[in-house]
Amino acid sequence: MNYNRFGTPRAYIDTINYDITTGWRDLDDIVTIQNDNSTAVVFDNGTSEGDMFDLKPSNYAQIANTNQSFYIQFDTGTTNTTIAESNYIAILNHNFKSADAVFKVAYSSTADFSSNVTTITTTAGTGAGQHQKVVNCGSNLGASGANADFLELEKNGWTLLTWTTQETHNRYIRLTIKDSDGASANFATDVFIGSIMIGEYIDFPQTPELDIKTSIDYGGLISKESLGGNTYTSSTHLGQPTWAITTPWNLSTTSNQQTYSFLQRHGRTNHSINFKYLADTDVFSATAGLESTTGANWHDSGSLHNSFYNKVIGSRLPFLFAIDGDSSHISDYGMFRLAKNDFSVTQVANQVYDLSLNLTETW
């Protein structure tokens, strides 16, 4: 159960869209291709690769079931391992359970993954390549052989996999997807993928103060009054669009849950939270990005200003947000934006700051 109980919040920042927005990378740096490294992946119903990287989960790509094994690879464009770090992947609005699709995530310093490969496994621990927490991830399909390190999912909907931050040989990150029967088998049905997010998450330094304000805005409703005093209402929207085969942020083993309107939460959630007495080292980076190309005291600083506000560029980019970073409850997660563009903190003592944060749900 959840009951909107806040713990220490966590924000999952998408590196791919940050790099594209700032001009460092573009969609040409994402490769979607079958495992023979030459055959293009076939998309159905007018969808395309770009539909998986627009941070709009309801806008999904439909990959023909005859593609068999394929991979999606992102080139971070830097040999600086600090700047190329990531520690999570989120796959939103998928039907991997119905399609009998399994997946694995791996890193390499070479584009062809011929050397320096690290694969994320389901072996618990803190070493490189080991996951820390999952939402709807299941377990390894096979301990060895062709299915080694492939993860089998329990349900359709969405999946979150986190791991110890990959700090070496991490220029390229590859998501490989295949049918559970092997690389030469067709998928049971077309594969749906709404959004793929890869990057680093940031945990807030503490739990929010007790004055948390949560509201659900039904702003899609329009009311008009006739000359006779009757009230008429219409709706521009009732909330998030349904996903391919589930309601938003839900999990299901069925292939038609999206029609179950009674399972959908309508409206738009907003959170207003406050943090008090934050150390300046949690709020600001040691430098304003002018030190060197390593990014140690700026890009990889872990401060709220840079690792959160600066990487979502105010309200420009949405992010996956959990009201409790240790939770695996699906109701604790959602896609949000900052409600305001400015970063504003108040100094309340020497090297101590208060921060107010307003988040609004987005789709």
Protein backbone atom coordinates (compact mmCIF):
# COMPACT_ATOMS: atom_id res chain seq x y z
CA MET A 1 0.00 0.00 0.00
CA ASN A 2 1.06 3.59 -0.52
CA TYR A 3 -1.45 6.24 0.63
CA ASN A 4 0.80 8.98 -0.88
CA ARG A 5 3.35 8.48 1.89
CA PHE A 6 6.50 10.44 1.14
CA GLY A 7 9.91 9.07 2.01
CA THR A 8 13.13 10.48 0.59
CA PRO A 9 12.22 11.44 -3.00
CA ARG A 10 14.22 10.37 -6.03
CA ALA A 11 14.32 11.91 -9.52
CA TYR A 12 15.40 9.90 -12.55
CA ILE A 13 16.98 12.27 -15.10
CA ASP A 14 17.09 11.21 -18.76
CA THR A 15 20.56 11.68 -20.22
CA ILE A 16 19.46 10.98 -23.80
CA ASN A 17 17.01 13.88 -24.00
CA TYR A 18 19.33 16.21 -22.12
CA ASP A 19 22.10 15.51 -24.63
CA ILE A 20 19.73 15.95 -27.59
CA THR A 21 18.21 19.16 -26.21
CA THR A 22 21.60 20.75 -25.60
CA GLY A 23 22.86 19.73 -29.06
CA TRP A 24 25.54 17.35 -27.85
CA ARG A 25 23.77 14.33 -29.40
CA ASP A 26 20.95 13.75 -31.89
CA LEU A 27 18.76 10.85 -32.95
CA ASP A 28 21.49 9.67 -35.35
CA ASP A 29 23.46 8.66 -32.24
CA ILE A 30 20.78 6.09 -31.43
CA VAL A 31 20.99 2.84 -33.39
CA THR A 32 18.05 0.41 -33.59
CA ILE A 33 19.08 -2.64 -35.57
CA GLN A 34 18.76 -6.43 -35.63
CA ASN A 35 21.50 -8.50 -34.06
CA ASP A 36 23.20 -9.24 -37.39
CA ASN A 37 24.29 -5.57 -37.21
CA SER A 38 23.00 -4.87 -40.72
CA THR A 39 19.24 -5.57 -40.98
CA ALA A 40 17.01 -2.61 -40.16
CA VAL A 41 14.27 -3.01 -37.57
CA VAL A 42 10.78 -2.85 -39.10
CA PHE A 43 8.27 -0.58 -37.37
CA ASP A 44 4.51 -1.06 -37.86
CA ASN A 45 1.61 1.39 -38.13
CA GLY A 46 3.68 4.44 -39.06
CA THR A 47 5.70 4.45 -35.84
CA SER A 48 9.44 5.01 -35.71
CA GLU A 49 12.52 4.92 -33.53
CA GLY A 50 11.95 8.51 -32.43
CA ASP A 51 8.68 7.54 -30.74
CA MET A 52 10.72 5.73 -28.09
CA PHE A 53 12.70 8.83 -27.13
CA ASP A 54 10.21 11.70 -26.88
CA LEU A 55 9.48 11.19 -23.15
CA LYS A 56 5.80 10.74 -23.95
CA PRO A 57 5.03 7.16 -22.90
CA SER A 58 1.59 7.08 -24.53
CA ASN A 59 3.23 7.75 -27.93
CA TYR A 60 4.66 4.30 -28.54
CA ALA A 61 6.70 2.56 -31.22
CA GLN A 62 5.31 -0.71 -32.59
CA ILE A 63 8.05 -3.12 -33.64
CA ALA A 64 7.03 -5.97 -35.95
CA ASN A 65 7.13 -9.38 -34.27
CA THR A 66 9.20 -10.76 -37.17
CA ASN A 67 12.24 -8.63 -36.26
CA GLN A 68 13.44 -11.34 -33.88
CA SER A 69 16.44 -10.30 -31.78
CA PHE A 70 17.41 -6.62 -32.03
CA TYR A 71 19.18 -3.98 -29.99
CA ILE A 72 18.89 -0.26 -29.28
CA GLN A 73 22.22 1.45 -28.67
CA PHE A 74 23.04 4.97 -27.49
CA ASP A 75 26.39 6.64 -28.08
CA THR A 76 27.09 9.17 -25.31
CA GLY A 77 29.73 10.74 -27.54
CA THR A 78 32.37 11.04 -24.85
CA THR A 79 35.31 8.95 -23.76
CA ASN A 80 35.18 10.72 -20.40
CA THR A 81 33.74 8.02 -18.17
CA THR A 82 32.52 10.50 -15.54
CA ILE A 83 30.32 12.36 -18.02
CA ALA A 84 29.03 9.09 -19.54
CA GLU A 85 27.87 7.62 -16.22
CA SER A 86 24.39 6.15 -15.76
CA ASN A 87 22.73 3.91 -13.20
CA TYR A 88 19.20 3.17 -14.39
CA ILE A 89 16.99 2.35 -17.35
CA ALA A 90 13.22 2.82 -17.49
CA ILE A 91 11.12 1.21 -20.24
CA LEU A 92 7.65 2.74 -20.19
CA ASN A 93 4.47 1.51 -21.89
CA HIS A 94 5.71 -1.88 -23.01
CA ASN A 95 4.09 -5.26 -23.65
CA PHE A 96 7.14 -7.45 -23.02
CA LYS A 97 5.09 -10.02 -21.09
CA SER A 98 2.56 -10.54 -23.91
CA ALA A 99 5.29 -10.49 -26.58
CA ASP A 100 7.43 -13.03 -24.67
CA ALA A 101 10.22 -10.45 -24.90
CA VAL A 102 13.26 -10.59 -22.64
CA PHE A 103 16.03 -8.00 -22.43
CA LYS A 104 19.49 -7.23 -21.14
CA VAL A 105 21.48 -4.03 -20.65
CA ALA A 106 25.21 -3.76 -21.31
CA TYR A 107 27.98 -1.15 -21.58
CA SER A 108 31.12 -1.02 -23.68
CA SER A 109 33.84 1.42 -24.72
CA THR A 110 33.56 0.16 -28.31
CA ALA A 111 30.61 0.55 -30.67
CA ASP A 112 30.67 -3.11 -31.73
CA PHE A 113 30.83 -4.35 -28.11
CA SER A 114 33.92 -6.37 -28.95
CA SER A 115 35.72 -5.52 -25.71
CA ASN A 116 35.31 -3.97 -22.25
CA VAL A 117 31.69 -5.15 -21.92
CA THR A 118 29.80 -4.92 -18.64
CA THR A 119 26.35 -6.52 -18.45
CA ILE A 120 23.79 -5.56 -15.84
CA THR A 121 22.73 -8.74 -14.05
CA THR A 122 20.13 -9.62 -11.41
CA THR A 123 22.82 -10.63 -8.94
CA ALA A 124 22.24 -8.56 -5.83
CA GLY A 125 25.24 -6.59 -4.62
CA THR A 126 27.15 -3.36 -5.00
CA GLY A 127 29.71 -4.24 -7.66
CA ALA A 128 29.73 -3.07 -11.27
CA GLY A 129 26.96 -4.61 -13.31
CA GLN A 130 24.79 -5.53 -10.32
CA HIS A 131 21.31 -4.18 -9.86
CA GLN A 132 20.14 -2.41 -6.72
CA LYS A 133 16.36 -2.15 -7.13
CA VAL A 134 13.77 -3.10 -9.72
CA VAL A 135 10.13 -2.45 -10.53
CA ASN A 136 8.54 -5.24 -12.61
CA CYS A 137 11.77 -6.87 -13.69
CA GLY A 138 11.48 -10.55 -12.77
CA SER A 139 14.61 -12.66 -12.88
CA ASN A 140 17.23 -14.12 -15.18
CA LEU A 141 15.80 -16.30 -17.94
CA GLY A 142 18.89 -18.49 -17.99
CA ALA A 143 21.95 -18.73 -15.81
CA SER A 144 24.23 -19.52 -18.75
CA GLY A 145 24.31 -19.96 -22.51
CA ALA A 146 22.38 -17.87 -25.04
CA ASN A 147 19.91 -16.59 -22.45
CA ALA A 148 22.48 -15.61 -19.83
CA ASP A 149 21.81 -12.20 -18.28
CA PHE A 150 18.49 -11.76 -20.11
CA LEU A 151 15.72 -10.59 -17.80
CA GLU A 152 12.21 -11.98 -18.01
CA LEU A 153 9.42 -9.61 -17.03
CA GLU A 154 6.47 -10.46 -14.86
CA LYS A 155 3.94 -8.06 -16.37
CA ASN A 156 3.20 -5.58 -19.16
CA GLY A 157 3.24 -1.86 -18.39
CA TRP A 158 6.61 -0.46 -17.38
CA THR A 159 9.94 -1.53 -15.95
CA LEU A 160 12.63 0.20 -13.92
CA LEU A 161 16.08 -1.30 -13.40
CA THR A 162 18.79 0.40 -11.32
CA TRP A 163 22.39 -0.59 -10.70
CA THR A 164 25.65 0.56 -9.22
CA THR A 165 26.85 3.52 -11.29
CA GLN A 166 28.92 2.36 -14.26
CA GLU A 167 32.15 4.34 -13.97
CA THR A 168 34.37 2.77 -16.66
CA HIS A 169 34.11 1.73 -20.32
CA ASN A 170 30.67 3.32 -20.59
CA ARG A 171 30.57 5.36 -23.80
CA TYR A 172 28.02 3.00 -25.40
CA ILE A 173 24.98 1.53 -23.69
CA ARG A 174 22.95 -1.19 -25.40
CA LEU A 175 19.48 -2.57 -24.73
CA THR A 176 19.07 -5.98 -26.39
CA ILE A 177 15.56 -7.44 -26.79
CA LYS A 178 14.65 -10.90 -28.06
CA ASP A 179 11.99 -13.58 -27.75
CA SER A 180 12.38 -15.85 -24.74
CA ASP A 181 12.72 -18.83 -27.12
CA GLY A 182 15.93 -17.46 -28.58
CA ALA A 183 17.46 -14.97 -31.01
CA SER A 184 16.03 -16.72 -34.08
CA ALA A 185 12.43 -16.83 -32.81
CA ASN A 186 9.70 -14.36 -33.73
CA PHE A 187 8.10 -12.48 -30.87
CA ALA A 188 4.67 -13.71 -29.81
CA THR A 189 3.19 -10.38 -30.94
CA ASP A 190 4.42 -6.96 -32.06
CA VAL A 191 6.60 -5.29 -29.41
CA PHE A 192 5.37 -1.97 -27.99
CA ILE A 193 7.77 0.54 -26.42
CA GLY A 194 6.54 3.97 -25.34
CA SER A 195 9.64 5.57 -23.84
CA ILE A 196 13.17 4.54 -22.97
CA MET A 197 14.98 6.60 -20.33
CA ILE A 198 18.64 6.16 -19.42
CA GLY A 199 20.69 8.27 -17.05
CA GLU A 200 21.51 8.92 -13.43
CA TYR A 201 18.99 9.32 -10.64
CA ILE A 202 19.43 11.75 -7.77
CA ASP A 203 18.20 11.18 -4.24
CA PHE A 204 17.10 14.26 -2.38
CA PRO A 205 19.21 14.91 0.74
CA GLN A 206 16.34 14.33 3.18
CA THR A 207 12.62 13.75 3.48
CA PRO A 208 10.41 16.81 2.87
CA GLU A 209 8.95 18.87 5.70
CA LEU A 210 5.48 17.95 6.99
CA ASP A 211 3.74 20.72 5.04
CA ILE A 212 3.55 18.64 1.84
CA LYS A 213 0.70 19.74 -0.40
CA THR A 214 -0.69 17.29 -2.97
CA SER A 215 -3.49 18.29 -5.33
CA ILE A 216 -5.20 16.57 -8.24
CA ASP A 217 -6.27 19.04 -10.89
CA TYR A 218 -9.22 18.15 -13.11
CA GLY A 219 -8.43 21.08 -15.39
CA GLY A 220 -9.63 19.29 -18.51
CA LEU A 221 -13.23 20.11 -17.58
CA ILE A 222 -15.07 23.10 -19.08
CA SER A 223 -18.37 24.25 -17.54
CA LYS A 224 -20.88 26.53 -19.25
CA GLU A 225 -24.22 27.85 -18.11
CA SER A 226 -27.15 28.26 -20.50
CA LEU A 227 -29.56 31.20 -20.56
CA GLY A 228 -31.97 29.09 -18.56
CA GLY A 229 -29.40 28.45 -15.86
CA ASN A 230 -28.60 24.85 -16.80
CA THR A 231 -25.00 23.76 -16.41
CA TYR A 232 -23.25 21.85 -19.18
CA THR A 233 -19.75 20.37 -19.01
CA SER A 234 -17.31 19.10 -21.60
CA SER A 235 -13.80 17.72 -21.30
CA THR A 236 -10.65 18.43 -23.27
CA HIS A 237 -9.09 15.46 -21.47
CA LEU A 238 -9.72 13.29 -18.44
CA GLY A 239 -6.06 12.79 -17.63
CA GLN A 240 -3.26 10.79 -19.19
CA PRO A 241 -3.93 9.01 -22.48
CA THR A 242 -4.12 5.25 -22.11
CA TRP A 243 -1.04 3.22 -22.92
CA ALA A 244 -0.76 0.51 -25.55
CA ILE A 245 -2.23 -2.34 -23.51
CA THR A 246 -2.37 -1.03 -19.93
CA THR A 247 -3.71 2.02 -18.16
CA PRO A 248 -0.91 4.52 -17.36
CA TRP A 249 1.64 3.40 -14.76
CA ASN A 250 -0.18 0.14 -14.19
CA LEU A 251 1.05 -3.44 -14.52
CA SER A 252 -0.92 -6.30 -16.00
CA THR A 253 -0.58 -9.80 -17.40
CA THR A 254 -3.52 -9.20 -19.76
CA SER A 255 -3.32 -7.63 -23.20
CA ASN A 256 -6.34 -5.33 -23.04
CA GLN A 257 -6.16 -3.55 -19.69
CA GLN A 258 -6.11 -0.18 -21.50
CA THR A 259 -9.88 -0.53 -21.94
CA TYR A 260 -10.46 -0.76 -18.18
CA SER A 261 -11.29 2.90 -17.54
CA PHE A 262 -12.22 2.08 -13.95
CA LEU A 263 -8.54 1.33 -13.27
CA GLN A 264 -7.34 4.71 -14.51
CA ARG A 265 -6.63 7.67 -12.26
CA HIS A 266 -8.02 10.83 -13.84
CA GLY A 267 -6.73 14.36 -13.37
CA ARG A 268 -3.20 15.76 -12.97
CA THR A 269 -1.23 15.29 -9.75
CA ASN A 270 0.75 18.20 -8.30
CA HIS A 271 3.16 18.14 -5.37
CA SER A 272 4.44 21.10 -3.38
CA ILE A 273 7.25 20.08 -1.03
CA ASN A 274 9.77 21.93 1.12
CA PHE A 275 13.24 21.04 2.35
CA LYS A 276 14.82 22.89 5.25
CA TYR A 277 18.36 23.29 6.50
CA LEU A 278 20.11 21.78 3.50
CA ALA A 279 23.90 21.96 3.47
CA ASP A 280 25.28 24.17 0.73
CA THR A 281 27.20 21.17 -0.60
CA ASP A 282 23.85 19.43 -1.26
CA VAL A 283 22.46 22.49 -3.05
CA PHE A 284 25.35 23.88 -5.12
CA SER A 285 28.30 22.40 -6.97
CA ALA A 286 31.87 23.22 -6.02
CA THR A 287 32.34 24.98 -9.35
CA ALA A 288 30.13 26.44 -12.05
CA GLY A 289 31.40 24.12 -14.78
CA LEU A 290 34.55 26.07 -15.62
CA GLU A 291 37.11 23.82 -13.96
CA SER A 292 37.90 21.20 -16.62
CA THR A 293 36.38 18.72 -19.05
CA THR A 294 36.26 15.97 -16.41
CA GLY A 295 33.01 17.27 -14.92
CA ALA A 296 33.93 15.95 -11.46
CA ASN A 297 32.83 19.08 -9.58
CA TRP A 298 30.06 20.08 -11.96
CA HIS A 299 28.38 17.56 -14.26
CA ASP A 300 28.91 14.73 -11.79
CA SER A 301 28.67 16.81 -8.62
CA GLY A 302 25.47 15.32 -7.20
CA SER A 303 24.16 18.75 -6.18
CA LEU A 304 20.47 19.62 -6.52
CA HIS A 305 21.24 22.64 -8.68
CA ASN A 306 23.23 20.84 -11.33
CA SER A 307 22.30 17.17 -11.09
CA PHE A 308 18.59 17.99 -10.99
CA TYR A 309 17.57 21.53 -12.02
CA ASN A 310 20.28 22.08 -14.60
CA LYS A 311 19.85 18.64 -16.21
CA VAL A 312 16.09 19.07 -16.67
CA ILE A 313 16.69 22.69 -17.78
CA GLY A 314 13.95 24.13 -15.60
CA SER A 315 10.59 22.91 -16.85
CA ARG A 316 11.99 21.98 -20.27
CA LEU A 317 12.43 18.23 -19.68
CA PRO A 318 10.20 15.83 -17.75
CA PHE A 319 11.65 13.28 -15.38
CA LEU A 320 10.57 10.10 -13.66
CA PHE A 321 9.82 10.94 -10.03
CA ALA A 322 9.36 8.69 -7.00
CA ILE A 323 7.97 10.13 -3.77
CA ASP A 324 10.03 7.46 -1.99
CA GLY A 325 13.26 6.40 -3.66
CA ASP A 326 13.29 3.05 -1.84
CA SER A 327 9.77 2.11 -2.93
CA SER A 328 8.79 -0.47 -5.53
CA HIS A 329 5.09 0.44 -5.36
CA ILE A 330 3.93 1.60 -8.79
CA SER A 331 1.68 4.30 -7.29
CA ASP A 332 4.78 6.07 -5.95
CA TYR A 333 5.99 6.88 -9.48
CA GLY A 334 5.02 9.21 -12.29
CA MET A 335 6.35 11.54 -14.97
CA PHE A 336 6.65 15.11 -13.71
CA ARG A 337 8.02 18.51 -14.65
CA LEU A 338 9.09 21.46 -12.55
CA ALA A 339 6.14 23.83 -12.31
CA LYS A 340 8.45 26.86 -12.40
CA ASN A 341 11.53 27.59 -14.47
CA ASP A 342 13.59 29.30 -11.79
CA PHE A 343 15.91 27.74 -9.25
CA SER A 344 15.44 29.61 -5.97
CA VAL A 345 16.77 28.82 -2.50
CA THR A 346 16.82 30.86 0.70
CA GLN A 347 19.87 31.05 2.92
CA VAL A 348 18.71 30.64 6.53
CA ALA A 349 22.08 30.24 8.24
CA ASN A 350 25.76 30.13 7.34
CA GLN A 351 26.10 27.62 4.48
CA VAL A 352 22.54 26.38 5.08
CA TYR A 353 19.56 26.74 2.69
CA ASP A 354 15.82 26.11 2.43
CA LEU A 355 14.34 24.89 -0.86
CA SER A 356 10.74 24.79 -2.07
CA LEU A 357 9.82 22.52 -4.95
CA ASN A 358 6.65 22.44 -7.06
CA LEU A 359 6.09 19.49 -9.38
CA THR A 360 3.31 18.94 -11.89
CA GLU A 361 2.44 15.68 -13.60
CA THR A 362 3.02 15.58 -17.34
CA TRP A 363 2.27 13.31 -20.29
